[in-house]
Amino acid sequence: MIGVLVVTHGAIGETLLSSAEAILGARQTRVATLGVSRNEDPEAVLARARQLAAQLGDGTGLLVLTDMFGATPCNVASRLLADGRVEGVSGISLPMLVRVLSRRDGSLAAAVQRALSGGTEGVVHMNTDSCGA
């Protein structure tokens, strides 16, 4: 099963994971969050991220999701990346996370594609697209 590490500013990742678990109806395994606060040393955050990545990895791959490209969480996550083993996607959203968590038994490349499609398809102009109401 693909592991998932969510690295975000503050408690964003924890909140997203809690919401995704409520939607999916189950506590998720092999998923962790890492919140980064403004004054933290990036090297200390990287050490914690590496530790979490090692705990989540079982050889099937690790997907690292971050909130904002170019910010500290993303910069830390980028130092974990290894093509085909650890992949990263920034711009995490609830639709992205739910899509990733709902099916992690495939390949890491497929998980990356689910993250990307969840993120893009989750953005809808509500005036022109019905949300089921």
C-alpha atoms as a PDB file:
ATOM      1  CA  MET A   1       0.000   0.000   0.000  1.00  0.00           C
ATOM      2  CA  ILE A   2       1.294   3.445  -0.960  1.00  0.00           C
ATOM      3  CA  GLY A   3       2.248   5.522   2.075  1.00  0.00           C
ATOM      4  CA  VAL A   4       1.156   9.151   2.274  1.00  0.00           C
ATOM      5  CA  LEU A   5       2.940  11.967   4.074  1.00  0.00           C
ATOM      6  CA  VAL A   6       1.164  15.335   4.265  1.00  0.00           C
ATOM      7  CA  VAL A   7       3.523  18.263   4.955  1.00  0.00           C
ATOM      8  CA  THR A   8       1.772  21.600   5.444  1.00  0.00           C
ATOM      9  CA  HIS A   9       1.782  24.904   7.245  1.00  0.00           C
ATOM     10  CA  GLY A  10       0.476  24.485  10.790  1.00  0.00           C
ATOM     11  CA  ALA A  11      -2.430  22.096  11.302  1.00  0.00           C
ATOM     12  CA  ILE A  12      -3.786  22.197   7.732  1.00  0.00           C
ATOM     13  CA  GLY A  13      -2.685  18.625   7.067  1.00  0.00           C
ATOM     14  CA  GLU A  14      -4.190  17.275  10.298  1.00  0.00           C
ATOM     15  CA  THR A  15      -7.504  18.949   9.528  1.00  0.00           C
ATOM     16  CA  LEU A  16      -7.566  17.657   5.955  1.00  0.00           C
ATOM     17  CA  LEU A  17      -6.726  14.122   7.080  1.00  0.00           C
ATOM     18  CA  SER A  18      -9.404  14.178   9.774  1.00  0.00           C
ATOM     19  CA  SER A  19     -11.976  15.376   7.237  1.00  0.00           C
ATOM     20  CA  ALA A  20     -10.909  12.774   4.651  1.00  0.00           C
ATOM     21  CA  GLU A  21     -11.198  10.006   7.242  1.00  0.00           C
ATOM     22  CA  ALA A  22     -14.712  11.205   8.127  1.00  0.00           C
ATOM     23  CA  ILE A  23     -15.699  11.125   4.449  1.00  0.00           C
ATOM     24  CA  LEU A  24     -14.138   7.705   3.870  1.00  0.00           C
ATOM     25  CA  GLY A  25     -15.570   6.344   7.112  1.00  0.00           C
ATOM     26  CA  ALA A  26     -12.338   4.827   8.356  1.00  0.00           C
ATOM     27  CA  ARG A  27      -9.091   5.699  10.076  1.00  0.00           C
ATOM     28  CA  GLN A  28      -6.287   5.530   7.533  1.00  0.00           C
ATOM     29  CA  THR A  29      -3.106   3.526   8.000  1.00  0.00           C
ATOM     30  CA  ARG A  30       0.339   4.381   6.640  1.00  0.00           C
ATOM     31  CA  VAL A  31      -0.562   8.088   6.580  1.00  0.00           C
ATOM     32  CA  ALA A  32       1.086  10.835   8.607  1.00  0.00           C
ATOM     33  CA  THR A  33       0.959  14.596   8.784  1.00  0.00           C
ATOM     34  CA  LEU A  34       3.741  17.015   9.538  1.00  0.00           C
ATOM     35  CA  GLY A  35       2.825  20.584  10.420  1.00  0.00           C
ATOM     36  CA  VAL A  36       5.454  23.267   9.972  1.00  0.00           C
ATOM     37  CA  SER A  37       5.319  26.427  12.046  1.00  0.00           C
ATOM     38  CA  ARG A  38       6.770  29.743  10.992  1.00  0.00           C
ATOM     39  CA  ASN A  39       9.814  29.821  13.260  1.00  0.00           C
ATOM     40  CA  GLU A  40      10.936  26.210  12.940  1.00  0.00           C
ATOM     41  CA  ASP A  41      14.377  25.330  11.676  1.00  0.00           C
ATOM     42  CA  PRO A  42      13.920  23.736   8.232  1.00  0.00           C
ATOM     43  CA  GLU A  43      16.672  21.215   8.997  1.00  0.00           C
ATOM     44  CA  ALA A  44      14.812  20.035  12.102  1.00  0.00           C
ATOM     45  CA  VAL A  45      11.616  19.732  10.062  1.00  0.00           C
ATOM     46  CA  LEU A  46      13.511  17.758   7.415  1.00  0.00           C
ATOM     47  CA  ALA A  47      14.805  15.357  10.067  1.00  0.00           C
ATOM     48  CA  ARG A  48      11.240  14.728  11.278  1.00  0.00           C
ATOM     49  CA  ALA A  49      10.040  14.317   7.683  1.00  0.00           C
ATOM     50  CA  ARG A  50      12.752  11.750   6.965  1.00  0.00           C
ATOM     51  CA  GLN A  51      11.809   9.835  10.099  1.00  0.00           C
ATOM     52  CA  LEU A  52       8.125   9.775   9.112  1.00  0.00           C
ATOM     53  CA  ALA A  53       8.988   8.790   5.541  1.00  0.00           C
ATOM     54  CA  ALA A  54      11.014   5.838   6.825  1.00  0.00           C
ATOM     55  CA  GLN A  55       8.104   4.722   9.031  1.00  0.00           C
ATOM     56  CA  LEU A  56       5.587   4.956   6.180  1.00  0.00           C
ATOM     57  CA  GLY A  57       7.693   3.244   3.543  1.00  0.00           C
ATOM     58  CA  ASP A  58       7.343  -0.451   2.848  1.00  0.00           C
ATOM     59  CA  GLY A  59       8.862  -0.501  -0.621  1.00  0.00           C
ATOM     60  CA  THR A  60       5.633   0.214  -2.534  1.00  0.00           C
ATOM     61  CA  GLY A  61       6.238   3.953  -2.590  1.00  0.00           C
ATOM     62  CA  LEU A  62       5.523   7.129  -0.703  1.00  0.00           C
ATOM     63  CA  LEU A  63       3.462  10.066  -1.914  1.00  0.00           C
ATOM     64  CA  VAL A  64       4.261  13.385  -0.235  1.00  0.00           C
ATOM     65  CA  LEU A  65       1.550  16.028  -0.462  1.00  0.00           C
ATOM     66  CA  THR A  66       2.237  19.671   0.409  1.00  0.00           C
ATOM     67  CA  ASP A  67       0.073  22.750   0.571  1.00  0.00           C
ATOM     68  CA  MET A  68       1.894  25.460  -1.347  1.00  0.00           C
ATOM     69  CA  PHE A  69       4.594  25.132  -3.982  1.00  0.00           C
ATOM     70  CA  GLY A  70       7.782  26.993  -3.080  1.00  0.00           C
ATOM     71  CA  ALA A  71       7.009  27.386   0.622  1.00  0.00           C
ATOM     72  CA  THR A  72       8.927  25.728   3.470  1.00  0.00           C
ATOM     73  CA  PRO A  73       6.780  22.549   3.635  1.00  0.00           C
ATOM     74  CA  CYS A  74       7.274  22.037  -0.104  1.00  0.00           C
ATOM     75  CA  ASN A  75      10.990  22.775   0.119  1.00  0.00           C
ATOM     76  CA  VAL A  76      11.368  20.206   2.902  1.00  0.00           C
ATOM     77  CA  ALA A  77       9.322  17.642   0.970  1.00  0.00           C
ATOM     78  CA  SER A  78      11.398  18.193  -2.175  1.00  0.00           C
ATOM     79  CA  ARG A  79      14.466  16.932  -0.310  1.00  0.00           C
ATOM     80  CA  LEU A  80      12.712  13.579   0.251  1.00  0.00           C
ATOM     81  CA  LEU A  81      11.892  12.935  -3.402  1.00  0.00           C
ATOM     82  CA  ALA A  82      13.357   9.990  -5.292  1.00  0.00           C
ATOM     83  CA  ASP A  83      11.904   9.182  -8.715  1.00  0.00           C
ATOM     84  CA  GLY A  84       9.722   6.100  -8.607  1.00  0.00           C
ATOM     85  CA  ARG A  85      10.033   5.686  -4.831  1.00  0.00           C
ATOM     86  CA  VAL A  86       9.050   9.012  -3.281  1.00  0.00           C
ATOM     87  CA  GLU A  87       6.919  11.359  -5.377  1.00  0.00           C
ATOM     88  CA  GLY A  88       5.565  14.768  -4.425  1.00  0.00           C
ATOM     89  CA  VAL A  89       2.516  16.822  -5.347  1.00  0.00           C
ATOM     90  CA  SER A  90       1.824  20.331  -4.056  1.00  0.00           C
ATOM     91  CA  GLY A  91      -1.487  22.150  -3.754  1.00  0.00           C
ATOM     92  CA  ILE A  92      -3.198  19.621  -1.482  1.00  0.00           C
ATOM     93  CA  SER A  93      -6.965  19.847  -1.218  1.00  0.00           C
ATOM     94  CA  LEU A  94      -9.635  17.680   0.337  1.00  0.00           C
ATOM     95  CA  PRO A  95     -10.727  16.230  -3.031  1.00  0.00           C
ATOM     96  CA  MET A  96      -7.093  15.384  -3.798  1.00  0.00           C
ATOM     97  CA  LEU A  97      -6.524  13.688  -0.459  1.00  0.00           C
ATOM     98  CA  VAL A  98      -9.781  11.711  -0.567  1.00  0.00           C
ATOM     99  CA  ARG A  99      -9.007  10.473  -4.065  1.00  0.00           C
ATOM    100  CA  VAL A 100      -5.507   9.380  -3.047  1.00  0.00           C
ATOM    101  CA  LEU A 101      -6.587   7.683   0.178  1.00  0.00           C
ATOM    102  CA  SER A 102      -9.519   5.876  -1.394  1.00  0.00           C
ATOM    103  CA  ARG A 103      -7.222   3.732  -3.514  1.00  0.00           C
ATOM    104  CA  ARG A 104      -3.596   3.175  -2.561  1.00  0.00           C
ATOM    105  CA  ASP A 105      -3.157  -0.428  -3.673  1.00  0.00           C
ATOM    106  CA  GLY A 106      -1.859   0.427  -7.149  1.00  0.00           C
ATOM    107  CA  SER A 107       1.384   1.935  -8.321  1.00  0.00           C
ATOM    108  CA  LEU A 108       2.958   5.119  -7.047  1.00  0.00           C
ATOM    109  CA  ALA A 109       2.581   6.648 -10.518  1.00  0.00           C
ATOM    110  CA  ALA A 110      -1.164   5.943 -10.390  1.00  0.00           C
ATOM    111  CA  ALA A 111      -1.379   7.578  -6.947  1.00  0.00           C
ATOM    112  CA  VAL A 112       0.316  10.689  -8.356  1.00  0.00           C
ATOM    113  CA  GLN A 113      -2.229  10.800 -11.188  1.00  0.00           C
ATOM    114  CA  ARG A 114      -5.128  10.419  -8.723  1.00  0.00           C
ATOM    115  CA  ALA A 115      -3.714  13.297  -6.670  1.00  0.00           C
ATOM    116  CA  LEU A 116      -3.417  15.521  -9.728  1.00  0.00           C
ATOM    117  CA  SER A 117      -6.878  14.671 -11.042  1.00  0.00           C
ATOM    118  CA  GLY A 118      -8.449  15.076  -7.589  1.00  0.00           C
ATOM    119  CA  GLY A 119      -6.885  18.491  -7.284  1.00  0.00           C
ATOM    120  CA  THR A 120      -7.908  19.737 -10.724  1.00  0.00           C
ATOM    121  CA  GLU A 121     -11.359  18.132 -10.892  1.00  0.00           C
ATOM    122  CA  GLY A 122     -12.112  19.346  -7.370  1.00  0.00           C
ATOM    123  CA  VAL A 123     -11.994  22.963  -8.547  1.00  0.00           C
ATOM    124  CA  VAL A 124     -15.413  23.878  -9.915  1.00  0.00           C
ATOM    125  CA  HIS A 125     -17.127  27.156 -10.754  1.00  0.00           C
ATOM    126  CA  MET A 126     -20.298  26.636  -8.733  1.00  0.00           C
ATOM    127  CA  ASN A 127     -22.386  29.158 -10.710  1.00  0.00           C
ATOM    128  CA  THR A 128     -22.074  27.046 -13.836  1.00  0.00           C
ATOM    129  CA  ASP A 129     -21.741  23.511 -12.413  1.00  0.00           C
ATOM    130  CA  SER A 130     -24.305  22.002 -10.068  1.00  0.00           C
ATOM    131  CA  CYS A 131     -22.990  20.543  -6.813  1.00  0.00           C
ATOM    132  CA  GLY A 132     -25.892  18.147  -6.441  1.00  0.00           C
ATOM    133  CA  ALA A 133     -28.406  20.547  -4.945  1.00  0.00           C
END
